[in-house]
PDB file of all heavy atoms in Angstrom:
ATOM      1  N   TYR A   1       8.364 -18.033  -7.837  1.00  0.00           N
ATOM      2  CA  TYR A   1       9.472 -18.497  -8.518  1.00  0.00           C
ATOM      3  C   TYR A   1      10.144 -17.455  -9.381  1.00  0.00           C
ATOM      4  O   TYR A   1       9.548 -16.795 -10.217  1.00  0.00           O
ATOM      5  CB  TYR A   1       9.099 -19.711  -9.420  1.00  0.00           C
ATOM      6  CG  TYR A   1      10.270 -20.196 -10.309  1.00  0.00           C
ATOM      7  CD1 TYR A   1      11.488 -20.831  -9.761  1.00  0.00           C
ATOM      8  CD2 TYR A   1      10.175 -20.141 -11.609  1.00  0.00           C
ATOM      9  CE1 TYR A   1      12.427 -21.327 -10.504  1.00  0.00           C
ATOM     10  CE2 TYR A   1      11.250 -20.543 -12.452  1.00  0.00           C
ATOM     11  CZ  TYR A   1      12.318 -21.201 -11.847  1.00  0.00           C
ATOM     12  OH  TYR A   1      13.333 -21.652 -12.729  1.00  0.00           O
ATOM     13  N   ILE A   2      11.543 -17.301  -9.265  1.00  0.00           N
ATOM     14  CA  ILE A   2      12.314 -16.399 -10.028  1.00  0.00           C
ATOM     15  C   ILE A   2      13.428 -17.249 -10.666  1.00  0.00           C
ATOM     16  O   ILE A   2      14.243 -17.832  -9.957  1.00  0.00           O
ATOM     17  CB  ILE A   2      12.957 -15.308  -9.172  1.00  0.00           C
ATOM     18  CG1 ILE A   2      11.847 -14.295  -8.637  1.00  0.00           C
ATOM     19  CG2 ILE A   2      13.901 -14.450  -9.961  1.00  0.00           C
ATOM     20  CD1 ILE A   2      11.071 -13.546  -9.699  1.00  0.00           C
ATOM     21  N   LYS A   3      13.477 -17.193 -11.922  1.00  0.00           N
ATOM     22  CA  LYS A   3      14.491 -17.980 -12.699  1.00  0.00           C
ATOM     23  C   LYS A   3      15.893 -17.220 -12.667  1.00  0.00           C
ATOM     24  O   LYS A   3      16.907 -17.878 -12.461  1.00  0.00           O
ATOM     25  CB  LYS A   3      14.079 -18.175 -14.084  1.00  0.00           C
ATOM     26  CG  LYS A   3      15.019 -19.006 -14.945  1.00  0.00           C
ATOM     27  CD  LYS A   3      14.343 -19.491 -16.314  1.00  0.00           C
ATOM     28  CE  LYS A   3      13.876 -18.276 -17.089  1.00  0.00           C
ATOM     29  NZ  LYS A   3      13.325 -18.629 -18.313  1.00  0.00           N
ATOM     30  N   ASN A   4      15.936 -15.990 -12.919  1.00  0.00           N
ATOM     31  CA  ASN A   4      17.123 -15.202 -12.911  1.00  0.00           C
ATOM     32  C   ASN A   4      16.882 -13.687 -12.810  1.00  0.00           C
ATOM     33  O   ASN A   4      15.623 -13.342 -12.643  1.00  0.00           O
ATOM     34  CB  ASN A   4      17.880 -15.406 -14.251  1.00  0.00           C
ATOM     35  CG  ASN A   4      17.107 -15.324 -15.482  1.00  0.00           C
ATOM     36  OD1 ASN A   4      16.266 -14.460 -15.498  1.00  0.00           O
ATOM     37  ND2 ASN A   4      17.329 -16.190 -16.433  1.00  0.00           N
ATOM     38  N   SER A   5      17.803 -12.859 -12.886  1.00  0.00           N
ATOM     39  CA  SER A   5      17.647 -11.455 -12.710  1.00  0.00           C
ATOM     40  C   SER A   5      16.652 -10.859 -13.764  1.00  0.00           C
ATOM     41  O   SER A   5      15.724 -10.054 -13.430  1.00  0.00           O
ATOM     42  CB  SER A   5      18.917 -10.661 -12.768  1.00  0.00           C
ATOM     43  OG  SER A   5      19.746 -11.029 -11.716  1.00  0.00           O
ATOM     44  N   GLN A   6      16.847 -11.226 -15.036  1.00  0.00           N
ATOM     45  CA  GLN A   6      15.951 -10.757 -16.042  1.00  0.00           C
ATOM     46  C   GLN A   6      14.527 -11.131 -15.839  1.00  0.00           C
ATOM     47  O   GLN A   6      13.611 -10.382 -16.056  1.00  0.00           O
ATOM     48  CB  GLN A   6      16.445 -11.404 -17.432  1.00  0.00           C
ATOM     49  CG  GLN A   6      15.598 -10.801 -18.575  1.00  0.00           C
ATOM     50  CD  GLN A   6      16.112 -11.386 -19.970  1.00  0.00           C
ATOM     51  OE1 GLN A   6      17.097 -11.925 -19.991  1.00  0.00           O
ATOM     52  NE2 GLN A   6      15.329 -11.214 -20.903  1.00  0.00           N
ATOM     53  N   HIS A   7      14.294 -12.378 -15.385  1.00  0.00           N
ATOM     54  CA  HIS A   7      12.946 -12.849 -15.052  1.00  0.00           C
ATOM     55  C   HIS A   7      12.379 -11.986 -13.907  1.00  0.00           C
ATOM     56  O   HIS A   7      11.211 -11.541 -13.959  1.00  0.00           O
ATOM     57  CB  HIS A   7      12.995 -14.327 -14.710  1.00  0.00           C
ATOM     58  CG  HIS A   7      11.696 -14.954 -14.514  1.00  0.00           C
ATOM     59  ND1 HIS A   7      11.445 -15.935 -13.577  1.00  0.00           N
ATOM     60  CD2 HIS A   7      10.442 -14.644 -15.078  1.00  0.00           C
ATOM     61  CE1 HIS A   7      10.244 -16.260 -13.621  1.00  0.00           C
ATOM     62  NE2 HIS A   7       9.500 -15.524 -14.459  1.00  0.00           N
ATOM     63  N   PHE A   8      13.208 -11.688 -12.960  1.00  0.00           N
ATOM     64  CA  PHE A   8      12.674 -10.792 -11.847  1.00  0.00           C
ATOM     65  C   PHE A   8      12.393  -9.460 -12.328  1.00  0.00           C
ATOM     66  O   PHE A   8      11.204  -8.910 -11.861  1.00  0.00           O
ATOM     67  CB  PHE A   8      13.800 -10.762 -10.792  1.00  0.00           C
ATOM     68  CG  PHE A   8      13.508  -9.679  -9.732  1.00  0.00           C
ATOM     69  CD1 PHE A   8      12.450  -9.770  -8.855  1.00  0.00           C
ATOM     70  CD2 PHE A   8      14.287  -8.512  -9.728  1.00  0.00           C
ATOM     71  CE1 PHE A   8      12.225  -8.728  -7.946  1.00  0.00           C
ATOM     72  CE2 PHE A   8      14.009  -7.489  -8.828  1.00  0.00           C
ATOM     73  CZ  PHE A   8      13.039  -7.622  -7.895  1.00  0.00           C
ATOM     74  N   VAL A   9      13.106  -8.860 -13.159  1.00  0.00           N
ATOM     75  CA  VAL A   9      12.824  -7.423 -13.639  1.00  0.00           C
ATOM     76  C   VAL A   9      11.477  -7.475 -14.395  1.00  0.00           C
ATOM     77  O   VAL A   9      10.705  -6.587 -14.219  1.00  0.00           O
ATOM     78  CB  VAL A   9      13.999  -6.958 -14.545  1.00  0.00           C
ATOM     79  CG1 VAL A   9      13.533  -5.688 -15.284  1.00  0.00           C
ATOM     80  CG2 VAL A   9      15.228  -6.741 -13.778  1.00  0.00           C
ATOM     81  N   GLU A  10      11.235  -8.505 -15.154  1.00  0.00           N
ATOM     82  CA  GLU A  10       9.912  -8.645 -15.950  1.00  0.00           C
ATOM     83  C   GLU A  10       8.856  -8.769 -14.951  1.00  0.00           C
ATOM     84  O   GLU A  10       7.840  -8.063 -15.188  1.00  0.00           O
ATOM     85  CB  GLU A  10      10.048  -9.810 -16.880  1.00  0.00           C
ATOM     86  CG  GLU A  10      11.061  -9.732 -18.045  1.00  0.00           C
ATOM     87  CD  GLU A  10      11.265 -11.093 -18.747  1.00  0.00           C
ATOM     88  OE1 GLU A  10      10.603 -12.001 -18.338  1.00  0.00           O
ATOM     89  OE2 GLU A  10      11.965 -11.063 -19.773  1.00  0.00           O
ATOM     90  N   LYS A  11       8.937  -9.532 -14.010  1.00  0.00           N
ATOM     91  CA  LYS A  11       7.771  -9.648 -13.051  1.00  0.00           C
ATOM     92  C   LYS A  11       7.594  -8.604 -12.143  1.00  0.00           C
ATOM     93  O   LYS A  11       6.472  -8.148 -11.870  1.00  0.00           O
ATOM     94  CB  LYS A  11       8.082 -11.031 -12.229  1.00  0.00           C
ATOM     95  CG  LYS A  11       8.071 -12.282 -12.973  1.00  0.00           C
ATOM     96  CD  LYS A  11       8.056 -13.527 -12.025  1.00  0.00           C
ATOM     97  CE  LYS A  11       6.725 -13.791 -11.439  1.00  0.00           C
ATOM     98  NZ  LYS A  11       6.635 -15.143 -10.812  1.00  0.00           N
ATOM     99  N   ALA A  12       8.696  -7.944 -11.737  1.00  0.00           N
ATOM    100  CA  ALA A  12       8.540  -6.793 -10.798  1.00  0.00           C
ATOM    101  C   ALA A  12       7.994  -5.578 -11.635  1.00  0.00           C
ATOM    102  O   ALA A  12       7.237  -4.742 -11.030  1.00  0.00           O
ATOM    103  CB  ALA A  12       9.958  -6.281 -10.341  1.00  0.00           C
ATOM    104  N   GLY A  13       8.279  -5.469 -12.927  1.00  0.00           N
ATOM    105  CA  GLY A  13       7.616  -4.314 -13.642  1.00  0.00           C
ATOM    106  C   GLY A  13       6.142  -4.394 -13.882  1.00  0.00           C
ATOM    107  O   GLY A  13       5.494  -3.428 -14.252  1.00  0.00           O
ATOM    108  N   GLN A  14       5.545  -5.584 -13.441  1.00  0.00           N
ATOM    109  CA  GLN A  14       4.113  -5.749 -13.613  1.00  0.00           C
ATOM    110  C   GLN A  14       3.434  -5.523 -12.307  1.00  0.00           C
ATOM    111  O   GLN A  14       2.143  -5.517 -12.201  1.00  0.00           O
ATOM    112  CB  GLN A  14       3.780  -7.050 -14.032  1.00  0.00           C
ATOM    113  CG  GLN A  14       4.382  -7.562 -15.395  1.00  0.00           C
ATOM    114  CD  GLN A  14       4.280  -8.993 -15.808  1.00  0.00           C
ATOM    115  OE1 GLN A  14       3.599  -9.740 -15.125  1.00  0.00           O
ATOM    116  NE2 GLN A  14       4.990  -9.402 -16.776  1.00  0.00           N
ATOM    117  N   ILE A  15       4.083  -5.107 -11.292  1.00  0.00           N
ATOM    118  CA  ILE A  15       3.495  -4.932  -9.943  1.00  0.00           C
ATOM    119  C   ILE A  15       3.014  -3.448  -9.804  1.00  0.00           C
ATOM    120  O   ILE A  15       3.728  -2.488  -9.990  1.00  0.00           O
ATOM    121  CB  ILE A  15       4.496  -5.183  -8.774  1.00  0.00           C
ATOM    122  CG1 ILE A  15       5.052  -6.577  -8.827  1.00  0.00           C
ATOM    123  CG2 ILE A  15       3.784  -4.918  -7.378  1.00  0.00           C
ATOM    124  CD1 ILE A  15       6.243  -6.775  -7.952  1.00  0.00           C
ATOM    125  N   PRO A  16       1.642  -3.288  -9.566  1.00  0.00           N
ATOM    126  CA  PRO A  16       1.157  -1.905  -9.360  1.00  0.00           C
ATOM    127  C   PRO A  16       1.581  -1.441  -7.923  1.00  0.00           C
ATOM    128  O   PRO A  16       1.444  -2.170  -6.957  1.00  0.00           O
ATOM    129  CB  PRO A  16      -0.365  -2.063  -9.331  1.00  0.00           C
ATOM    130  CG  PRO A  16      -0.601  -3.565  -8.980  1.00  0.00           C
ATOM    131  CD  PRO A  16       0.599  -4.316  -9.478  1.00  0.00           C
ATOM    132  N   ILE A  17       2.177  -0.276  -7.883  1.00  0.00           N
ATOM    133  CA  ILE A  17       2.713   0.276  -6.588  1.00  0.00           C
ATOM    134  C   ILE A  17       1.858   1.489  -6.161  1.00  0.00           C
ATOM    135  O   ILE A  17       1.481   2.330  -6.947  1.00  0.00           O
ATOM    136  CB  ILE A  17       4.159   0.774  -6.852  1.00  0.00           C
ATOM    137  CG1 ILE A  17       5.071  -0.440  -7.181  1.00  0.00           C
ATOM    138  CG2 ILE A  17       4.741   1.439  -5.572  1.00  0.00           C
ATOM    139  CD1 ILE A  17       5.192  -1.514  -6.085  1.00  0.00           C
ATOM    140  N   GLU A  18       1.644   1.566  -4.776  1.00  0.00           N
ATOM    141  CA  GLU A  18       0.983   2.690  -4.186  1.00  0.00           C
ATOM    142  C   GLU A  18       1.997   3.417  -3.335  1.00  0.00           C
ATOM    143  O   GLU A  18       3.005   2.921  -2.917  1.00  0.00           O
ATOM    144  CB  GLU A  18      -0.188   2.153  -3.349  1.00  0.00           C
ATOM    145  CG  GLU A  18      -1.221   1.522  -4.138  1.00  0.00           C
ATOM    146  CD  GLU A  18      -2.507   1.083  -3.378  1.00  0.00           C
ATOM    147  OE1 GLU A  18      -2.483   1.311  -2.131  1.00  0.00           O
ATOM    148  OE2 GLU A  18      -3.440   0.494  -3.953  1.00  0.00           O
ATOM    149  N   PRO A  19       1.685   4.751  -3.023  1.00  0.00           N
ATOM    150  CA  PRO A  19       2.659   5.623  -2.337  1.00  0.00           C
ATOM    151  C   PRO A  19       3.098   5.061  -0.925  1.00  0.00           C
ATOM    152  O   PRO A  19       4.270   5.185  -0.591  1.00  0.00           O
ATOM    153  CB  PRO A  19       1.888   6.929  -2.171  1.00  0.00           C
ATOM    154  CG  PRO A  19       0.867   6.925  -3.300  1.00  0.00           C
ATOM    155  CD  PRO A  19       0.507   5.494  -3.523  1.00  0.00           C
ATOM    156  N   GLY A  20       2.332   4.367  -0.243  1.00  0.00           N
ATOM    157  CA  GLY A  20       2.700   3.841   1.071  1.00  0.00           C
ATOM    158  C   GLY A  20       3.326   2.496   1.056  1.00  0.00           C
ATOM    159  O   GLY A  20       3.827   2.043   2.131  1.00  0.00           O
ATOM    160  N   ASP A  21       3.559   1.879  -0.062  1.00  0.00           N
ATOM    161  CA  ASP A  21       4.218   0.564  -0.141  1.00  0.00           C
ATOM    162  C   ASP A  21       5.686   0.575   0.208  1.00  0.00           C
ATOM    163  O   ASP A  21       6.368   1.606  -0.044  1.00  0.00           O
ATOM    164  CB  ASP A  21       4.118  -0.008  -1.571  1.00  0.00           C
ATOM    165  CG  ASP A  21       2.551  -0.374  -1.913  1.00  0.00           C
ATOM    166  OD1 ASP A  21       1.774  -0.446  -1.001  1.00  0.00           O
ATOM    167  OD2 ASP A  21       2.319  -0.656  -3.091  1.00  0.00           O
ATOM    168  N   LEU A  22       6.130  -0.454   0.813  1.00  0.00           N
ATOM    169  CA  LEU A  22       7.575  -0.600   1.114  1.00  0.00           C
ATOM    170  C   LEU A  22       8.154  -1.679   0.365  1.00  0.00           C
ATOM    171  O   LEU A  22       7.560  -2.791   0.134  1.00  0.00           O
ATOM    172  CB  LEU A  22       7.631  -0.984   2.660  1.00  0.00           C
ATOM    173  CG  LEU A  22       7.213   0.010   3.643  1.00  0.00           C
ATOM    174  CD1 LEU A  22       7.265  -0.546   5.139  1.00  0.00           C
ATOM    175  CD2 LEU A  22       8.166   1.248   3.661  1.00  0.00           C
ATOM    176  N   LEU A  23       9.366  -1.416  -0.191  1.00  0.00           N
ATOM    177  CA  LEU A  23      10.129  -2.466  -0.892  1.00  0.00           C
ATOM    178  C   LEU A  23      11.061  -3.021   0.139  1.00  0.00           C
ATOM    179  O   LEU A  23      11.835  -2.394   0.877  1.00  0.00           O
ATOM    180  CB  LEU A  23      11.043  -1.851  -2.013  1.00  0.00           C
ATOM    181  CG  LEU A  23      10.219  -0.895  -2.973  1.00  0.00           C
ATOM    182  CD1 LEU A  23      11.170  -0.406  -4.058  1.00  0.00           C
ATOM    183  CD2 LEU A  23       8.929  -1.643  -3.604  1.00  0.00           C
ATOM    184  N   VAL A  24      11.010  -4.398   0.245  1.00  0.00           N
ATOM    185  CA  VAL A  24      11.698  -5.117   1.277  1.00  0.00           C
ATOM    186  C   VAL A  24      12.431  -6.326   0.736  1.00  0.00           C
ATOM    187  O   VAL A  24      11.935  -6.952  -0.277  1.00  0.00           O
ATOM    188  CB  VAL A  24      10.757  -5.670   2.372  1.00  0.00           C
ATOM    189  CG1 VAL A  24      11.551  -6.253   3.561  1.00  0.00           C
ATOM    190  CG2 VAL A  24       9.874  -4.460   2.881  1.00  0.00           C
ATOM    191  N   SER A  25      13.614  -6.662   1.218  1.00  0.00           N
ATOM    192  CA  SER A  25      14.152  -7.926   0.796  1.00  0.00           C
ATOM    193  C   SER A  25      14.463  -8.688   2.149  1.00  0.00           C
ATOM    194  O   SER A  25      14.903  -8.147   3.100  1.00  0.00           O
ATOM    195  CB  SER A  25      15.553  -7.667   0.112  1.00  0.00           C
ATOM    196  OG  SER A  25      16.552  -7.204   0.925  1.00  0.00           O
ATOM    197  N   PHE A  26      14.146  -9.962   2.085  1.00  0.00           N
ATOM    198  CA  PHE A  26      14.475 -10.890   3.127  1.00  0.00           C
ATOM    199  C   PHE A  26      15.549 -11.902   2.728  1.00  0.00           C
ATOM    200  O   PHE A  26      15.480 -12.340   1.575  1.00  0.00           O
ATOM    201  CB  PHE A  26      13.209 -11.686   3.482  1.00  0.00           C
ATOM    202  CG  PHE A  26      12.145 -10.891   4.174  1.00  0.00           C
ATOM    203  CD1 PHE A  26      10.889 -10.773   3.483  1.00  0.00           C
ATOM    204  CD2 PHE A  26      12.316 -10.367   5.415  1.00  0.00           C
ATOM    205  CE1 PHE A  26       9.867 -10.092   4.053  1.00  0.00           C
ATOM    206  CE2 PHE A  26      11.270  -9.655   5.983  1.00  0.00           C
ATOM    207  CZ  PHE A  26      10.083  -9.451   5.380  1.00  0.00           C
ATOM    208  N   ASP A  27      16.473 -12.182   3.495  1.00  0.00           N
ATOM    209  CA  ASP A  27      17.550 -13.027   3.222  1.00  0.00           C
ATOM    210  C   ASP A  27      17.702 -14.191   4.273  1.00  0.00           C
ATOM    211  O   ASP A  27      17.758 -13.893   5.437  1.00  0.00           O
ATOM    212  CB  ASP A  27      18.948 -12.239   3.139  1.00  0.00           C
ATOM    213  CG  ASP A  27      20.104 -13.050   2.674  1.00  0.00           C
ATOM    214  OD1 ASP A  27      19.953 -14.163   2.232  1.00  0.00           O
ATOM    215  OD2 ASP A  27      21.235 -12.562   2.878  1.00  0.00           O
ATOM    216  N   VAL A  28      17.602 -15.447   3.805  1.00  0.00           N
ATOM    217  CA  VAL A  28      17.800 -16.516   4.735  1.00  0.00           C
ATOM    218  C   VAL A  28      19.311 -16.642   5.238  1.00  0.00           C
ATOM    219  O   VAL A  28      20.148 -16.639   4.282  1.00  0.00           O
ATOM    220  CB  VAL A  28      17.320 -17.781   4.062  1.00  0.00           C
ATOM    221  CG1 VAL A  28      17.431 -18.957   5.180  1.00  0.00           C
ATOM    222  CG2 VAL A  28      15.876 -17.795   3.595  1.00  0.00           C
ATOM    223  N   VAL A  29      19.501 -16.743   6.408  1.00  0.00           N
ATOM    224  CA  VAL A  29      20.737 -16.878   6.970  1.00  0.00           C
ATOM    225  C   VAL A  29      21.382 -18.238   6.636  1.00  0.00           C
ATOM    226  O   VAL A  29      20.831 -19.239   7.129  1.00  0.00           O
ATOM    227  CB  VAL A  29      20.843 -16.591   8.488  1.00  0.00           C
ATOM    228  CG1 VAL A  29      22.258 -16.707   9.056  1.00  0.00           C
ATOM    229  CG2 VAL A  29      20.282 -15.252   8.842  1.00  0.00           C
ATOM    230  N   SER A  30      22.387 -18.320   5.769  1.00  0.00           N
ATOM    231  CA  SER A  30      23.113 -19.561   5.427  1.00  0.00           C
ATOM    232  C   SER A  30      22.149 -20.643   5.143  1.00  0.00           C
ATOM    233  O   SER A  30      22.033 -21.724   5.789  1.00  0.00           O
ATOM    234  CB  SER A  30      24.030 -20.058   6.648  1.00  0.00           C
ATOM    235  OG  SER A  30      24.975 -18.977   6.849  1.00  0.00           O
ATOM    236  N   LEU A  31      21.365 -20.413   4.070  1.00  0.00           N
ATOM    237  CA  LEU A  31      20.244 -21.330   3.763  1.00  0.00           C
ATOM    238  C   LEU A  31      20.730 -22.812   3.620  1.00  0.00           C
ATOM    239  O   LEU A  31      20.288 -23.760   4.262  1.00  0.00           O
ATOM    240  CB  LEU A  31      19.551 -20.931   2.500  1.00  0.00           C
ATOM    241  CG  LEU A  31      18.526 -21.911   1.896  1.00  0.00           C
ATOM    242  CD1 LEU A  31      17.430 -22.061   2.895  1.00  0.00           C
ATOM    243  CD2 LEU A  31      17.977 -21.453   0.548  1.00  0.00           C
ATOM    244  N   PHE A  32      21.772 -23.019   2.739  1.00  0.00           N
ATOM    245  CA  PHE A  32      22.109 -24.385   2.423  1.00  0.00           C
ATOM    246  C   PHE A  32      22.576 -25.187   3.652  1.00  0.00           C
ATOM    247  O   PHE A  32      22.228 -26.339   3.778  1.00  0.00           O
ATOM    248  CB  PHE A  32      23.264 -24.307   1.344  1.00  0.00           C
ATOM    249  CG  PHE A  32      22.706 -24.042  -0.044  1.00  0.00           C
ATOM    250  CD1 PHE A  32      21.939 -22.973  -0.356  1.00  0.00           C
ATOM    251  CD2 PHE A  32      23.049 -24.924  -1.139  1.00  0.00           C
ATOM    252  CE1 PHE A  32      21.492 -22.662  -1.571  1.00  0.00           C
ATOM    253  CE2 PHE A  32      22.477 -24.766  -2.320  1.00  0.00           C
ATOM    254  CZ  PHE A  32      21.751 -23.583  -2.591  1.00  0.00           C
ATOM    255  N   THR A  33      23.403 -24.573   4.479  1.00  0.00           N
ATOM    256  CA  THR A  33      23.866 -25.252   5.650  1.00  0.00           C
ATOM    257  C   THR A  33      22.742 -25.387   6.763  1.00  0.00           C
ATOM    258  O   THR A  33      23.005 -26.098   7.704  1.00  0.00           O
ATOM    259  CB  THR A  33      25.116 -24.584   6.286  1.00  0.00           C
ATOM    260  OG1 THR A  33      24.836 -23.193   6.555  1.00  0.00           O
ATOM    261  CG2 THR A  33      26.255 -24.684   5.291  1.00  0.00           C
ATOM    262  N   ASN A  34      21.646 -24.708   6.517  1.00  0.00           N
ATOM    263  CA  ASN A  34      20.539 -24.721   7.601  1.00  0.00           C
ATOM    264  C   ASN A  34      19.359 -25.530   7.123  1.00  0.00           C
ATOM    265  O   ASN A  34      18.486 -25.804   7.928  1.00  0.00           O
ATOM    266  CB  ASN A  34      20.258 -23.325   8.024  1.00  0.00           C
ATOM    267  CG  ASN A  34      21.244 -22.729   8.927  1.00  0.00           C
ATOM    268  OD1 ASN A  34      21.598 -23.366   9.959  1.00  0.00           O
ATOM    269  ND2 ASN A  34      21.675 -21.543   8.697  1.00  0.00           N
ATOM    270  N   VAL A  35      19.259 -25.842   5.777  1.00  0.00           N
ATOM    271  CA  VAL A  35      18.029 -26.577   5.426  1.00  0.00           C
ATOM    272  C   VAL A  35      18.144 -28.009   6.138  1.00  0.00           C
ATOM    273  O   VAL A  35      19.026 -28.746   5.990  1.00  0.00           O
ATOM    274  CB  VAL A  35      18.091 -26.896   3.855  1.00  0.00           C
ATOM    275  CG1 VAL A  35      17.006 -27.906   3.535  1.00  0.00           C
ATOM    276  CG2 VAL A  35      17.823 -25.600   3.218  1.00  0.00           C
ATOM    277  N   PRO A  36      17.044 -28.290   6.932  1.00  0.00           N
ATOM    278  CA  PRO A  36      17.029 -29.587   7.611  1.00  0.00           C
ATOM    279  C   PRO A  36      16.800 -30.749   6.629  1.00  0.00           C
ATOM    280  O   PRO A  36      15.756 -30.906   6.050  1.00  0.00           O
ATOM    281  CB  PRO A  36      15.906 -29.420   8.614  1.00  0.00           C
ATOM    282  CG  PRO A  36      14.978 -28.395   8.004  1.00  0.00           C
ATOM    283  CD  PRO A  36      15.927 -27.482   7.180  1.00  0.00           C
ATOM    284  N   ILE A  37      17.792 -31.576   6.627  1.00  0.00           N
ATOM    285  CA  ILE A  37      17.700 -32.721   5.529  1.00  0.00           C
ATOM    286  C   ILE A  37      16.508 -33.601   5.777  1.00  0.00           C
ATOM    287  O   ILE A  37      15.913 -34.070   4.853  1.00  0.00           O
ATOM    288  CB  ILE A  37      19.045 -33.479   5.493  1.00  0.00           C
ATOM    289  CG1 ILE A  37      20.165 -32.509   5.051  1.00  0.00           C
ATOM    290  CG2 ILE A  37      18.928 -34.709   4.703  1.00  0.00           C
ATOM    291  CD1 ILE A  37      21.616 -33.159   5.038  1.00  0.00           C
ATOM    292  N   ASP A  38      16.298 -33.997   7.117  1.00  0.00           N
ATOM    293  CA  ASP A  38      15.184 -34.909   7.429  1.00  0.00           C
ATOM    294  C   ASP A  38      13.775 -34.276   7.007  1.00  0.00           C
ATOM    295  O   ASP A  38      13.048 -34.980   6.293  1.00  0.00           O
ATOM    296  CB  ASP A  38      15.200 -35.265   8.832  1.00  0.00           C
ATOM    297  CG  ASP A  38      16.241 -36.210   9.193  1.00  0.00           C
ATOM    298  OD1 ASP A  38      16.786 -36.874   8.309  1.00  0.00           O
ATOM    299  OD2 ASP A  38      16.598 -36.338  10.370  1.00  0.00           O
ATOM    300  N   ASP A  39      13.638 -33.023   7.331  1.00  0.00           N
ATOM    301  CA  ASP A  39      12.354 -32.339   6.943  1.00  0.00           C
ATOM    302  C   ASP A  39      12.262 -32.218   5.418  1.00  0.00           C
ATOM    303  O   ASP A  39      11.092 -32.401   4.842  1.00  0.00           O
ATOM    304  CB  ASP A  39      12.321 -30.995   7.615  1.00  0.00           C
ATOM    305  CG  ASP A  39      12.195 -30.999   9.141  1.00  0.00           C
ATOM    306  OD1 ASP A  39      12.064 -32.161   9.677  1.00  0.00           O
ATOM    307  OD2 ASP A  39      12.260 -29.946   9.796  1.00  0.00           O
ATOM    308  N   ALA A  40      13.331 -31.820   4.828  1.00  0.00           N
ATOM    309  CA  ALA A  40      13.268 -31.657   3.321  1.00  0.00           C
ATOM    310  C   ALA A  40      12.951 -33.024   2.675  1.00  0.00           C
ATOM    311  O   ALA A  40      12.219 -33.062   1.697  1.00  0.00           O
ATOM    312  CB  ALA A  40      14.599 -31.078   2.846  1.00  0.00           C
TER     313      ALA A  40
END
């Protein structure tokens, strides 16, 4: 759970990083229009 950008910066600053780690972002394609209402 991330509340906002400031919360994210605080949590990210606590992650120990190693040289081979990759920073990645995943983005859901059109989340709101694709959330299945019956399943939700």
